[in-house]
């Protein structure tokens, strides 16, 4: 089960992030593929094996250059996960 976002057109409900900064929404829709979905991080594939290969390809540079700031975000995310584990607030 994934996250659900309900959108409506309203001038009184701007899109903002957690700090209140303005944002934009891109909504793309299509026909269901009726295929298995495996997702982790920025990758969406059909199987866990394909996800592992995508991460290996990314780490080796086969998917293009590094994204500026990605390593810093990864380190911060790992630190936040560790803090949640230590505090007992980890939900997974």
Protein backbone atom coordinates (compact mmCIF):
# COMPACT_ATOMS: atom_id res chain seq x y z
CA UNK A 1 0.00 0.00 0.00
CA UNK A 2 1.44 3.31 -1.05
CA UNK A 3 0.88 6.86 0.00
CA UNK A 4 -2.28 8.63 -1.10
CA UNK A 5 -2.48 12.24 -2.16
CA UNK A 6 -5.85 13.83 -2.83
CA UNK A 7 -5.68 16.83 -5.17
CA UNK A 8 -8.31 19.43 -5.95
CA UNK A 9 -8.25 22.74 -7.76
CA UNK A 10 -8.41 25.55 -5.23
CA UNK A 11 -6.79 28.97 -5.04
CA UNK A 12 -6.96 28.72 -1.25
CA UNK A 13 -4.84 25.55 -0.99
CA UNK A 14 -1.31 26.20 -2.33
CA UNK A 15 1.18 23.35 -2.53
CA UNK A 16 3.89 23.80 0.12
CA UNK A 17 6.60 21.69 1.71
CA UNK A 18 7.19 21.14 5.45
CA UNK A 19 8.93 24.53 5.75
CA UNK A 20 6.15 26.37 3.91
CA UNK A 21 8.09 26.86 0.67
CA UNK A 22 5.96 26.92 -2.48
CA UNK A 23 5.98 23.84 -4.65
CA UNK A 24 4.53 22.44 -7.85
CA UNK A 25 2.71 19.22 -8.67
CA UNK A 26 3.02 17.18 -11.85
CA UNK A 27 0.20 14.66 -12.23
CA UNK A 28 0.67 11.90 -14.76
CA UNK A 29 -1.93 9.20 -15.29
CA UNK A 30 -2.21 6.19 -17.52
CA UNK A 31 -3.65 2.73 -17.92
CA UNK A 32 -2.68 0.17 -15.25
CA UNK A 33 0.11 -2.13 -16.42
CA UNK A 34 -1.03 -5.08 -14.27
CA UNK A 35 2.60 -5.98 -13.59
CA UNK A 36 4.45 -6.46 -10.32
CA UNK A 37 6.04 -3.31 -8.90
CA UNK A 38 9.21 -3.14 -6.83
CA UNK A 39 10.31 0.30 -5.65
CA UNK A 40 13.09 1.72 -3.54
CA UNK A 41 14.52 5.22 -3.53
CA UNK A 42 14.30 6.80 -6.97
CA UNK A 43 13.90 3.47 -8.77
CA UNK A 44 10.73 1.63 -9.76
CA UNK A 45 11.19 -1.76 -11.38
CA UNK A 46 9.30 -5.06 -11.62
CA UNK A 47 11.47 -7.22 -9.35
CA UNK A 48 13.85 -6.90 -6.41
CA UNK A 49 16.62 -8.26 -8.65
CA UNK A 50 16.01 -5.43 -11.13
CA UNK A 51 16.16 -2.93 -8.25
CA UNK A 52 19.51 -4.34 -7.11
CA UNK A 53 20.83 -4.06 -10.66
CA UNK A 54 19.57 -0.48 -10.99
CA UNK A 55 21.36 0.52 -7.77
CA UNK A 56 24.53 -1.28 -8.90
CA UNK A 57 24.35 0.51 -12.28
CA UNK A 58 23.80 3.86 -10.57
CA UNK A 59 26.69 3.38 -8.13
CA UNK A 60 29.03 2.36 -10.93
CA UNK A 61 28.13 5.42 -13.01
CA UNK A 62 26.36 3.50 -15.78
CA UNK A 63 23.21 5.65 -15.33
CA UNK A 64 24.98 8.96 -15.81
CA UNK A 65 26.83 11.30 -13.53
CA UNK A 66 26.33 11.76 -9.83
CA UNK A 67 23.50 14.02 -8.73
CA UNK A 68 24.80 17.07 -6.89
CA UNK A 69 24.07 16.76 -3.17
CA UNK A 70 22.89 13.13 -3.40
CA UNK A 71 25.63 11.74 -1.18
CA UNK A 72 25.00 14.37 1.49
CA UNK A 73 21.25 13.58 1.42
CA UNK A 74 21.99 9.86 1.68
CA UNK A 75 24.22 10.41 4.73
CA UNK A 76 21.59 12.64 6.38
CA UNK A 77 18.86 10.08 5.65
CA UNK A 78 20.91 7.26 7.14
CA UNK A 79 21.63 9.37 10.24
CA UNK A 80 17.92 10.14 10.63
CA UNK A 81 17.04 6.44 10.29
CA UNK A 82 19.62 5.55 12.93
CA UNK A 83 18.22 8.20 15.28
CA UNK A 84 14.69 6.81 14.78
CA UNK A 85 15.89 3.27 15.48
CA UNK A 86 17.64 4.40 18.66
CA UNK A 87 14.58 6.32 19.88
CA UNK A 88 12.23 3.43 19.12
CA UNK A 89 10.12 5.54 16.76
CA UNK A 90 10.99 3.53 13.64
CA UNK A 91 7.74 2.35 12.01
CA UNK A 92 9.00 -0.25 9.54
